């Protein structure tokens, strides 16, 4: 059996397992699983929402990979893959076993975020000198069908636009802008680049499934706010470099906290209710920030 055949067989088994996971919520989506980059192997791994049933979902036979992101319907997985000094967005469809690679010309894309209709992917696109001490990046949109690329934000020296998060209605992209030496700020912008406006200090924006609220991180805490930036409140604290992701059913948050030891730094991953209660550890070791929910219909 070839390496590719083994991967297909593994995916078929996992698809059947996760199809029988948690029941759908009132919004029509359920939390089918948690996807993360395995800390000791070049692979995308999955667990059930309670942290059980850990398995390799797809092997990543590249120089590096990360930032797994599922389409809203749970039919397609995107993540970046590295070839030496370049990064492209790899898209994989588990149901058909199809795949494709997308890039924006200079092949340094990462942090994919799907449009609600799964036709486009917003990405962080690095530019300027590779490996520069002061990185520079913008937000761009990749067409899945044509691999063409459209700019959303404008390149600025000594400034990084990153962590795009597409709103459920498709009209807005939240992202993080950080100028060299400054603090990260969450912005909102339309996919065509218009309507740019600052929202609040923070990072890791994640929309609620109904589009009315945004979860984000600031310093050692996880916060919630309304989509217009009002009503900000802290629900978790005492974390180290946290990342947060809102669940497909709207009832839970996935969050991480960095933990460092002799073998380097890894993230611990928890779930919690949107009020910060019922906190449960689901993963003890994952790559920092490299986690996402898998939706199910």
C-alpha atoms as a PDB file:
ATOM      1  CA  UNK A   1       0.000   0.000   0.000  1.00  0.00           C
ATOM      2  CA  UNK A   2       1.441   3.379  -0.994  1.00  0.00           C
ATOM      3  CA  UNK A   3       1.742   6.336   1.353  1.00  0.00           C
ATOM      4  CA  UNK A   4      -1.044   8.155  -0.481  1.00  0.00           C
ATOM      5  CA  UNK A   5      -3.325   5.072  -0.330  1.00  0.00           C
ATOM      6  CA  UNK A   6      -2.788   4.754   3.421  1.00  0.00           C
ATOM      7  CA  UNK A   7      -3.702   8.419   3.888  1.00  0.00           C
ATOM      8  CA  UNK A   8      -6.931   7.985   1.890  1.00  0.00           C
ATOM      9  CA  UNK A   9      -7.897   4.911   3.913  1.00  0.00           C
ATOM     10  CA  UNK A  10      -7.230   6.746   7.184  1.00  0.00           C
ATOM     11  CA  UNK A  11      -9.328   9.714   6.074  1.00  0.00           C
ATOM     12  CA  UNK A  12     -12.263   7.485   5.107  1.00  0.00           C
ATOM     13  CA  UNK A  13     -12.282   5.874   8.558  1.00  0.00           C
ATOM     14  CA  UNK A  14     -12.016   9.217  10.352  1.00  0.00           C
ATOM     15  CA  UNK A  15     -14.792  10.741   8.282  1.00  0.00           C
ATOM     16  CA  UNK A  16     -17.128   7.975   9.428  1.00  0.00           C
ATOM     17  CA  UNK A  17     -16.086   8.405  13.070  1.00  0.00           C
ATOM     18  CA  UNK A  18     -16.568  12.157  13.152  1.00  0.00           C
ATOM     19  CA  UNK A  19     -19.875  12.010  11.290  1.00  0.00           C
ATOM     20  CA  UNK A  20     -21.287  10.356  14.391  1.00  0.00           C
ATOM     21  CA  UNK A  21     -20.068  13.046  16.821  1.00  0.00           C
ATOM     22  CA  UNK A  22     -22.042  15.620  18.786  1.00  0.00           C
ATOM     23  CA  UNK A  23     -25.611  16.496  17.707  1.00  0.00           C
ATOM     24  CA  UNK A  24     -26.327  19.601  15.651  1.00  0.00           C
ATOM     25  CA  UNK A  25     -27.296  22.799  17.462  1.00  0.00           C
ATOM     26  CA  UNK A  26     -30.102  25.190  16.644  1.00  0.00           C
ATOM     27  CA  UNK A  27     -28.018  27.016  14.024  1.00  0.00           C
ATOM     28  CA  UNK A  28     -27.652  23.809  11.985  1.00  0.00           C
ATOM     29  CA  UNK A  29     -23.951  23.225  12.739  1.00  0.00           C
ATOM     30  CA  UNK A  30     -22.322  20.928  15.255  1.00  0.00           C
ATOM     31  CA  UNK A  31     -18.852  20.637  16.712  1.00  0.00           C
ATOM     32  CA  UNK A  32     -17.583  17.625  14.775  1.00  0.00           C
ATOM     33  CA  UNK A  33     -14.042  17.753  16.124  1.00  0.00           C
ATOM     34  CA  UNK A  34     -10.898  19.740  16.893  1.00  0.00           C
ATOM     35  CA  UNK A  35      -8.103  19.935  14.327  1.00  0.00           C
ATOM     36  CA  UNK A  36      -4.502  20.733  15.224  1.00  0.00           C
ATOM     37  CA  UNK A  37      -0.951  20.334  13.972  1.00  0.00           C
ATOM     38  CA  UNK A  38       0.643  17.303  15.616  1.00  0.00           C
ATOM     39  CA  UNK A  39       3.609  18.405  17.764  1.00  0.00           C
ATOM     40  CA  UNK A  40       5.846  15.431  16.942  1.00  0.00           C
ATOM     41  CA  UNK A  41       5.023  14.580  13.320  1.00  0.00           C
ATOM     42  CA  UNK A  42       4.379  16.457  10.049  1.00  0.00           C
ATOM     43  CA  UNK A  43       0.634  15.877  10.086  1.00  0.00           C
ATOM     44  CA  UNK A  44      -2.776  17.397  10.695  1.00  0.00           C
ATOM     45  CA  UNK A  45      -4.379  15.587  13.632  1.00  0.00           C
ATOM     46  CA  UNK A  46      -7.925  15.463  15.003  1.00  0.00           C
ATOM     47  CA  UNK A  47      -9.684  14.688  18.250  1.00  0.00           C
ATOM     48  CA  UNK A  48     -13.338  14.579  19.201  1.00  0.00           C
ATOM     49  CA  UNK A  49     -14.723  17.702  20.934  1.00  0.00           C
ATOM     50  CA  UNK A  50     -14.017  16.148  24.353  1.00  0.00           C
ATOM     51  CA  UNK A  51     -10.360  15.468  23.453  1.00  0.00           C
ATOM     52  CA  UNK A  52     -10.720  11.715  22.940  1.00  0.00           C
ATOM     53  CA  UNK A  53     -10.028   9.670  19.803  1.00  0.00           C
ATOM     54  CA  UNK A  54      -6.807  11.373  18.763  1.00  0.00           C
ATOM     55  CA  UNK A  55      -5.797  10.376  15.224  1.00  0.00           C
ATOM     56  CA  UNK A  56      -3.776  11.570  12.252  1.00  0.00           C
ATOM     57  CA  UNK A  57      -6.181  13.100   9.737  1.00  0.00           C
ATOM     58  CA  UNK A  58      -3.799  13.746   6.850  1.00  0.00           C
ATOM     59  CA  UNK A  59      -0.020  13.541   6.572  1.00  0.00           C
ATOM     60  CA  UNK A  60       1.748  16.758   5.600  1.00  0.00           C
ATOM     61  CA  UNK A  61       4.757  15.689   3.554  1.00  0.00           C
ATOM     62  CA  UNK A  62       6.384  19.098   3.242  1.00  0.00           C
ATOM     63  CA  UNK A  63       9.146  21.143   4.886  1.00  0.00           C
ATOM     64  CA  UNK A  64       6.527  22.567   7.240  1.00  0.00           C
ATOM     65  CA  UNK A  65       2.790  23.125   7.614  1.00  0.00           C
ATOM     66  CA  UNK A  66       0.312  24.873   9.887  1.00  0.00           C
ATOM     67  CA  UNK A  67      -2.812  26.995  10.498  1.00  0.00           C
ATOM     68  CA  UNK A  68      -5.547  24.406   9.767  1.00  0.00           C
ATOM     69  CA  UNK A  69      -8.844  26.083   8.828  1.00  0.00           C
ATOM     70  CA  UNK A  70     -12.162  24.470   7.862  1.00  0.00           C
ATOM     71  CA  UNK A  71     -14.769  25.827   5.487  1.00  0.00           C
ATOM     72  CA  UNK A  72     -18.058  26.728   7.183  1.00  0.00           C
ATOM     73  CA  UNK A  73     -19.763  23.555   5.916  1.00  0.00           C
ATOM     74  CA  UNK A  74     -16.899  21.315   7.062  1.00  0.00           C
ATOM     75  CA  UNK A  75     -16.280  20.045   3.520  1.00  0.00           C
ATOM     76  CA  UNK A  76     -12.799  21.512   2.920  1.00  0.00           C
ATOM     77  CA  UNK A  77      -9.624  21.957   4.970  1.00  0.00           C
ATOM     78  CA  UNK A  78      -7.017  24.639   4.214  1.00  0.00           C
ATOM     79  CA  UNK A  79      -3.553  24.995   5.745  1.00  0.00           C
ATOM     80  CA  UNK A  80      -0.198  26.393   4.672  1.00  0.00           C
ATOM     81  CA  UNK A  81       2.617  24.176   3.467  1.00  0.00           C
ATOM     82  CA  UNK A  82       6.281  25.130   3.149  1.00  0.00           C
ATOM     83  CA  UNK A  83       8.724  24.327   0.375  1.00  0.00           C
ATOM     84  CA  UNK A  84      12.084  25.599   1.568  1.00  0.00           C
ATOM     85  CA  UNK A  85      11.559  29.404   1.836  1.00  0.00           C
ATOM     86  CA  UNK A  86       8.094  29.524   0.248  1.00  0.00           C
ATOM     87  CA  UNK A  87       4.596  28.964   1.659  1.00  0.00           C
ATOM     88  CA  UNK A  88       1.469  28.041  -0.255  1.00  0.00           C
ATOM     89  CA  UNK A  89      -2.096  27.310   0.818  1.00  0.00           C
ATOM     90  CA  UNK A  90      -3.026  23.647   0.473  1.00  0.00           C
ATOM     91  CA  UNK A  91      -6.746  22.844   0.175  1.00  0.00           C
ATOM     92  CA  UNK A  92      -8.008  19.331   0.810  1.00  0.00           C
ATOM     93  CA  UNK A  93     -11.531  17.913   0.327  1.00  0.00           C
ATOM     94  CA  UNK A  94     -11.860  14.754   2.510  1.00  0.00           C
ATOM     95  CA  UNK A  95     -15.072  13.555   0.877  1.00  0.00           C
ATOM     96  CA  UNK A  96     -13.566  13.358  -2.626  1.00  0.00           C
ATOM     97  CA  UNK A  97      -9.880  13.194  -1.616  1.00  0.00           C
ATOM     98  CA  UNK A  98      -9.219  16.079  -4.003  1.00  0.00           C
ATOM     99  CA  UNK A  99      -6.619  18.752  -3.308  1.00  0.00           C
ATOM    100  CA  UNK A 100      -5.071  21.886  -4.783  1.00  0.00           C
ATOM    101  CA  UNK A 101      -2.464  24.508  -3.914  1.00  0.00           C
ATOM    102  CA  UNK A 102      -2.943  28.273  -4.043  1.00  0.00           C
ATOM    103  CA  UNK A 103      -0.559  31.202  -3.727  1.00  0.00           C
ATOM    104  CA  UNK A 104      -0.313  34.941  -4.321  1.00  0.00           C
ATOM    105  CA  UNK A 105       2.663  35.124  -6.652  1.00  0.00           C
ATOM    106  CA  UNK A 106       5.511  35.368  -4.168  1.00  0.00           C
ATOM    107  CA  UNK A 107       4.353  32.172  -2.416  1.00  0.00           C
ATOM    108  CA  UNK A 108       4.449  33.377   1.190  1.00  0.00           C
ATOM    109  CA  UNK A 109       0.835  32.934   2.293  1.00  0.00           C
ATOM    110  CA  UNK A 110      -0.401  31.666   5.671  1.00  0.00           C
ATOM    111  CA  UNK A 111      -3.272  31.915   8.201  1.00  0.00           C
ATOM    112  CA  UNK A 112      -6.127  30.934   5.841  1.00  0.00           C
ATOM    113  CA  UNK A 113      -9.737  31.954   6.651  1.00  0.00           C
ATOM    114  CA  UNK A 114     -12.619  30.738   4.468  1.00  0.00           C
ATOM    115  CA  UNK A 115     -15.376  32.879   2.996  1.00  0.00           C
ATOM    116  CA  UNK A 116     -18.841  31.575   4.009  1.00  0.00           C
ATOM    117  CA  UNK A 117     -19.509  30.265   0.476  1.00  0.00           C
ATOM    118  CA  UNK A 118     -16.140  28.419   0.416  1.00  0.00           C
ATOM    119  CA  UNK A 119     -15.172  30.065  -2.875  1.00  0.00           C
ATOM    120  CA  UNK A 120     -12.392  32.246  -1.472  1.00  0.00           C
ATOM    121  CA  UNK A 121      -9.801  32.229   1.280  1.00  0.00           C
ATOM    122  CA  UNK A 122      -8.437  35.292   3.081  1.00  0.00           C
ATOM    123  CA  UNK A 123      -4.737  34.946   3.950  1.00  0.00           C
ATOM    124  CA  UNK A 124      -1.829  36.754   5.484  1.00  0.00           C
ATOM    125  CA  UNK A 125       0.599  37.510   2.662  1.00  0.00           C
ATOM    126  CA  UNK A 126       4.186  38.360   3.675  1.00  0.00           C
ATOM    127  CA  UNK A 127       6.149  40.665   1.413  1.00  0.00           C
ATOM    128  CA  UNK A 128       9.508  42.445   1.388  1.00  0.00           C
ATOM    129  CA  UNK A 129      12.813  40.736   2.136  1.00  0.00           C
ATOM    130  CA  UNK A 130      12.479  37.134   3.270  1.00  0.00           C
ATOM    131  CA  UNK A 131      13.576  36.642   6.858  1.00  0.00           C
ATOM    132  CA  UNK A 132      13.706  40.384   7.568  1.00  0.00           C
ATOM    133  CA  UNK A 133      14.024  41.425  11.204  1.00  0.00           C
ATOM    134  CA  UNK A 134      10.946  43.612  10.758  1.00  0.00           C
ATOM    135  CA  UNK A 135       8.329  41.482   8.932  1.00  0.00           C
ATOM    136  CA  UNK A 136       5.747  43.097   6.685  1.00  0.00           C
ATOM    137  CA  UNK A 137       2.472  41.531   5.612  1.00  0.00           C
ATOM    138  CA  UNK A 138      -0.931  42.357   4.144  1.00  0.00           C
ATOM    139  CA  UNK A 139      -4.318  40.655   3.849  1.00  0.00           C
ATOM    140  CA  UNK A 140      -5.205  39.174   0.460  1.00  0.00           C
ATOM    141  CA  UNK A 141      -7.981  36.969  -0.907  1.00  0.00           C
ATOM    142  CA  UNK A 142      -7.335  33.834  -2.934  1.00  0.00           C
ATOM    143  CA  UNK A 143      -9.906  32.402  -5.337  1.00  0.00           C
ATOM    144  CA  UNK A 144     -10.130  28.641  -4.836  1.00  0.00           C
ATOM    145  CA  UNK A 145     -11.298  28.047  -8.412  1.00  0.00           C
ATOM    146  CA  UNK A 146      -8.741  30.203 -10.242  1.00  0.00           C
ATOM    147  CA  UNK A 147      -5.903  30.737  -7.718  1.00  0.00           C
ATOM    148  CA  UNK A 148      -6.066  34.451  -8.535  1.00  0.00           C
ATOM    149  CA  UNK A 149      -5.287  36.925  -5.788  1.00  0.00           C
ATOM    150  CA  UNK A 150      -6.883  40.241  -4.757  1.00  0.00           C
ATOM    151  CA  UNK A 151      -5.500  42.748  -2.255  1.00  0.00           C
ATOM    152  CA  UNK A 152      -7.593  43.723   0.764  1.00  0.00           C
ATOM    153  CA  UNK A 153      -5.140  45.900   2.717  1.00  0.00           C
ATOM    154  CA  UNK A 154      -2.295  48.073   1.463  1.00  0.00           C
ATOM    155  CA  UNK A 155       1.352  47.186   2.118  1.00  0.00           C
ATOM    156  CA  UNK A 156       2.984  49.445   4.698  1.00  0.00           C
ATOM    157  CA  UNK A 157       6.609  49.451   5.762  1.00  0.00           C
ATOM    158  CA  UNK A 158       7.280  48.050   9.232  1.00  0.00           C
ATOM    159  CA  UNK A 159       3.653  46.940   9.550  1.00  0.00           C
ATOM    160  CA  UNK A 160       2.031  43.488   9.674  1.00  0.00           C
ATOM    161  CA  UNK A 161      -1.609  42.729   8.825  1.00  0.00           C
ATOM    162  CA  UNK A 162      -2.416  39.196   9.959  1.00  0.00           C
ATOM    163  CA  UNK A 163      -4.934  36.731  11.448  1.00  0.00           C
ATOM    164  CA  UNK A 164      -7.847  37.354   9.029  1.00  0.00           C
ATOM    165  CA  UNK A 165     -11.276  36.128  10.176  1.00  0.00           C
ATOM    166  CA  UNK A 166     -14.158  36.237   7.687  1.00  0.00           C
ATOM    167  CA  UNK A 167     -17.584  37.154   9.112  1.00  0.00           C
ATOM    168  CA  UNK A 168     -20.405  34.577   8.734  1.00  0.00           C
ATOM    169  CA  UNK A 169     -22.362  36.845   6.363  1.00  0.00           C
ATOM    170  CA  UNK A 170     -19.302  37.393   4.151  1.00  0.00           C
ATOM    171  CA  UNK A 171     -19.435  41.206   4.299  1.00  0.00           C
ATOM    172  CA  UNK A 172     -16.534  41.841   6.676  1.00  0.00           C
ATOM    173  CA  UNK A 173     -13.058  40.580   7.485  1.00  0.00           C
ATOM    174  CA  UNK A 174     -11.614  41.127  10.958  1.00  0.00           C
ATOM    175  CA  UNK A 175      -7.820  41.169  11.124  1.00  0.00           C
ATOM    176  CA  UNK A 176      -4.932  42.263  13.332  1.00  0.00           C
ATOM    177  CA  UNK A 177      -2.624  45.163  12.460  1.00  0.00           C
ATOM    178  CA  UNK A 178       0.608  45.688  14.334  1.00  0.00           C
ATOM    179  CA  UNK A 179       3.179  48.326  13.491  1.00  0.00           C
ATOM    180  CA  UNK A 180       6.805  47.759  14.466  1.00  0.00           C
ATOM    181  CA  UNK A 181       7.148  48.490  18.173  1.00  0.00           C
ATOM    182  CA  UNK A 182       3.397  49.000  18.617  1.00  0.00           C
ATOM    183  CA  UNK A 183       0.534  47.044  20.122  1.00  0.00           C
ATOM    184  CA  UNK A 184      -1.733  44.778  18.053  1.00  0.00           C
ATOM    185  CA  UNK A 185      -5.095  46.286  17.062  1.00  0.00           C
ATOM    186  CA  UNK A 186      -8.134  44.494  15.622  1.00  0.00           C
ATOM    187  CA  UNK A 187      -9.566  46.141  12.500  1.00  0.00           C
ATOM    188  CA  UNK A 188     -12.602  45.522  10.333  1.00  0.00           C
ATOM    189  CA  UNK A 189     -12.557  45.844   6.533  1.00  0.00           C
ATOM    190  CA  UNK A 190     -14.778  44.816   3.646  1.00  0.00           C
ATOM    191  CA  UNK A 191     -13.391  42.128   1.296  1.00  0.00           C
ATOM    192  CA  UNK A 192     -12.901  44.786  -1.426  1.00  0.00           C
ATOM    193  CA  UNK A 193     -10.685  46.813   0.928  1.00  0.00           C
ATOM    194  CA  UNK A 194     -13.206  49.561   1.688  1.00  0.00           C
ATOM    195  CA  UNK A 195     -14.611  50.563   5.067  1.00  0.00           C
ATOM    196  CA  UNK A 196     -11.397  50.040   7.027  1.00  0.00           C
ATOM    197  CA  UNK A 197     -11.819  50.951  10.696  1.00  0.00           C
ATOM    198  CA  UNK A 198     -10.145  50.097  14.016  1.00  0.00           C
ATOM    199  CA  UNK A 199     -12.187  48.129  16.526  1.00  0.00           C
ATOM    200  CA  UNK A 200     -10.168  47.449  19.682  1.00  0.00           C
ATOM    201  CA  UNK A 201      -6.741  46.465  20.944  1.00  0.00           C
ATOM    202  CA  UNK A 202      -6.175  42.721  20.782  1.00  0.00           C
ATOM    203  CA  UNK A 203      -5.432  39.676  18.649  1.00  0.00           C
ATOM    204  CA  UNK A 204      -6.944  36.354  17.495  1.00  0.00           C
ATOM    205  CA  UNK A 205     -10.398  37.618  16.391  1.00  0.00           C
ATOM    206  CA  UNK A 206     -13.023  34.880  15.997  1.00  0.00           C
ATOM    207  CA  UNK A 207     -16.666  35.505  14.997  1.00  0.00           C
ATOM    208  CA  UNK A 208     -19.677  33.931  16.666  1.00  0.00           C
ATOM    209  CA  UNK A 209     -21.603  31.804  14.125  1.00  0.00           C
ATOM    210  CA  UNK A 210     -24.464  34.345  14.051  1.00  0.00           C
ATOM    211  CA  UNK A 211     -22.047  37.222  13.373  1.00  0.00           C
ATOM    212  CA  UNK A 212     -23.197  39.351  16.308  1.00  0.00           C
ATOM    213  CA  UNK A 213     -20.106  38.945  18.520  1.00  0.00           C
ATOM    214  CA  UNK A 214     -16.341  38.519  18.327  1.00  0.00           C
ATOM    215  CA  UNK A 215     -14.071  36.621  20.712  1.00  0.00           C
ATOM    216  CA  UNK A 216     -10.476  37.851  20.916  1.00  0.00           C
ATOM    217  CA  UNK A 217      -7.392  37.855  23.122  1.00  0.00           C
ATOM    218  CA  UNK A 218      -5.634  40.701  24.895  1.00  0.00           C
ATOM    219  CA  UNK A 219      -2.535  40.252  27.070  1.00  0.00           C
ATOM    220  CA  UNK A 220      -3.231  37.140  29.208  1.00  0.00           C
ATOM    221  CA  UNK A 221      -6.991  37.080  28.713  1.00  0.00           C
ATOM    222  CA  UNK A 222      -9.846  36.014  26.440  1.00  0.00           C
ATOM    223  CA  UNK A 223     -12.549  38.616  25.795  1.00  0.00           C
ATOM    224  CA  UNK A 224     -15.924  38.891  24.111  1.00  0.00           C
ATOM    225  CA  UNK A 225     -17.455  41.973  22.475  1.00  0.00           C
ATOM    226  CA  UNK A 226     -20.275  42.853  20.125  1.00  0.00           C
ATOM    227  CA  UNK A 227     -19.382  43.060  16.436  1.00  0.00           C
ATOM    228  CA  UNK A 228     -19.354  46.883  16.644  1.00  0.00           C
ATOM    229  CA  UNK A 229     -16.687  46.776  19.385  1.00  0.00           C
ATOM    230  CA  UNK A 230     -19.014  47.624  22.249  1.00  0.00           C
ATOM    231  CA  UNK A 231     -19.752  45.608  25.376  1.00  0.00           C
ATOM    232  CA  UNK A 232     -16.224  44.278  25.805  1.00  0.00           C
ATOM    233  CA  UNK A 233     -15.829  41.876  28.733  1.00  0.00           C
ATOM    234  CA  UNK A 234     -13.098  39.541  29.922  1.00  0.00           C
ATOM    235  CA  UNK A 235     -14.100  35.929  30.504  1.00  0.00           C
ATOM    236  CA  UNK A 236     -10.700  34.225  31.042  1.00  0.00           C
ATOM    237  CA  UNK A 237      -7.325  35.317  32.396  1.00  0.00           C
ATOM    238  CA  UNK A 238      -3.950  34.018  33.509  1.00  0.00           C
ATOM    239  CA  UNK A 239      -3.076  32.606  30.070  1.00  0.00           C
ATOM    240  CA  UNK A 240       0.188  32.803  28.146  1.00  0.00           C
ATOM    241  CA  UNK A 241      -0.011  34.050  24.537  1.00  0.00           C
ATOM    242  CA  UNK A 242      -3.597  32.782  24.169  1.00  0.00           C
ATOM    243  CA  UNK A 243      -5.462  32.032  20.942  1.00  0.00           C
ATOM    244  CA  UNK A 244      -9.263  31.670  20.782  1.00  0.00           C
ATOM    245  CA  UNK A 245     -11.713  30.043  18.331  1.00  0.00           C
ATOM    246  CA  UNK A 246     -15.542  30.166  18.514  1.00  0.00           C
ATOM    247  CA  UNK A 247     -17.256  26.792  18.048  1.00  0.00           C
ATOM    248  CA  UNK A 248     -19.479  26.048  15.013  1.00  0.00           C
ATOM    249  CA  UNK A 249     -22.566  25.547  17.220  1.00  0.00           C
ATOM    250  CA  UNK A 250     -21.962  28.875  18.994  1.00  0.00           C
ATOM    251  CA  UNK A 251     -21.962  27.297  22.461  1.00  0.00           C
ATOM    252  CA  UNK A 252     -18.234  26.920  23.208  1.00  0.00           C
ATOM    253  CA  UNK A 253     -14.822  28.526  22.806  1.00  0.00           C
ATOM    254  CA  UNK A 254     -11.561  26.751  22.065  1.00  0.00           C
ATOM    255  CA  UNK A 255      -8.541  28.490  23.609  1.00  0.00           C
ATOM    256  CA  UNK A 256      -4.845  27.842  24.099  1.00  0.00           C
ATOM    257  CA  UNK A 257      -2.097  28.799  26.517  1.00  0.00           C
ATOM    258  CA  UNK A 258       1.604  28.383  25.866  1.00  0.00           C
ATOM    259  CA  UNK A 259       3.652  26.083  28.077  1.00  0.00           C
ATOM    260  CA  UNK A 260       7.454  25.909  27.775  1.00  0.00           C
ATOM    261  CA  UNK A 261       9.847  23.207  28.948  1.00  0.00           C
ATOM    262  CA  UNK A 262      13.192  21.627  28.127  1.00  0.00           C
ATOM    263  CA  UNK A 263      11.860  20.355  24.795  1.00  0.00           C
ATOM    264  CA  UNK A 264      10.574  23.776  23.725  1.00  0.00           C
ATOM    265  CA  UNK A 265       7.192  25.495  23.836  1.00  0.00           C
ATOM    266  CA  UNK A 266       3.846  23.851  23.115  1.00  0.00           C
ATOM    267  CA  UNK A 267       0.259  24.931  23.618  1.00  0.00           C
ATOM    268  CA  UNK A 268      -2.277  23.376  25.927  1.00  0.00           C
ATOM    269  CA  UNK A 269      -5.794  23.485  24.516  1.00  0.00           C
ATOM    270  CA  UNK A 270      -9.056  23.885  26.438  1.00  0.00           C
ATOM    271  CA  UNK A 271     -12.730  24.276  25.689  1.00  0.00           C
ATOM    272  CA  UNK A 272     -15.047  26.469  27.723  1.00  0.00           C
ATOM    273  CA  UNK A 273     -18.563  27.837  27.613  1.00  0.00           C
ATOM    274  CA  UNK A 274     -18.939  31.325  26.164  1.00  0.00           C
ATOM    275  CA  UNK A 275     -19.286  32.609  29.736  1.00  0.00           C
ATOM    276  CA  UNK A 276     -15.841  31.241  30.636  1.00  0.00           C
ATOM    277  CA  UNK A 277     -17.260  28.415  32.751  1.00  0.00           C
ATOM    278  CA  UNK A 278     -16.990  24.636  32.351  1.00  0.00           C
ATOM    279  CA  UNK A 279     -13.330  24.830  31.364  1.00  0.00           C
ATOM    280  CA  UNK A 280     -11.955  21.494  30.140  1.00  0.00           C
ATOM    281  CA  UNK A 281      -8.461  20.486  29.034  1.00  0.00           C
ATOM    282  CA  UNK A 282      -8.673  18.615  25.700  1.00  0.00           C
ATOM    283  CA  UNK A 283      -5.045  18.656  24.459  1.00  0.00           C
ATOM    284  CA  UNK A 284      -1.814  18.773  26.435  1.00  0.00           C
ATOM    285  CA  UNK A 285       0.504  19.352  23.467  1.00  0.00           C
ATOM    286  CA  UNK A 286      -0.172  21.180  20.207  1.00  0.00           C
ATOM    287  CA  UNK A 287       1.743  23.670  18.109  1.00  0.00           C
ATOM    288  CA  UNK A 288       1.172  27.224  19.338  1.00  0.00           C
ATOM    289  CA  UNK A 289      -1.938  28.713  17.715  1.00  0.00           C
ATOM    290  CA  UNK A 290      -2.334  25.823  15.295  1.00  0.00           C
ATOM    291  CA  UNK A 291      -5.862  24.725  16.276  1.00  0.00           C
ATOM    292  CA  UNK A 292      -9.366  24.995  14.832  1.00  0.00           C
ATOM    293  CA  UNK A 293     -12.845  23.505  15.145  1.00  0.00           C
ATOM    294  CA  UNK A 294     -14.175  21.195  12.483  1.00  0.00           C
ATOM    295  CA  UNK A 295     -17.843  21.967  11.698  1.00  0.00           C
ATOM    296  CA  UNK A 296     -20.422  19.349  10.846  1.00  0.00           C
ATOM    297  CA  UNK A 297     -23.835  19.825   9.272  1.00  0.00           C
END
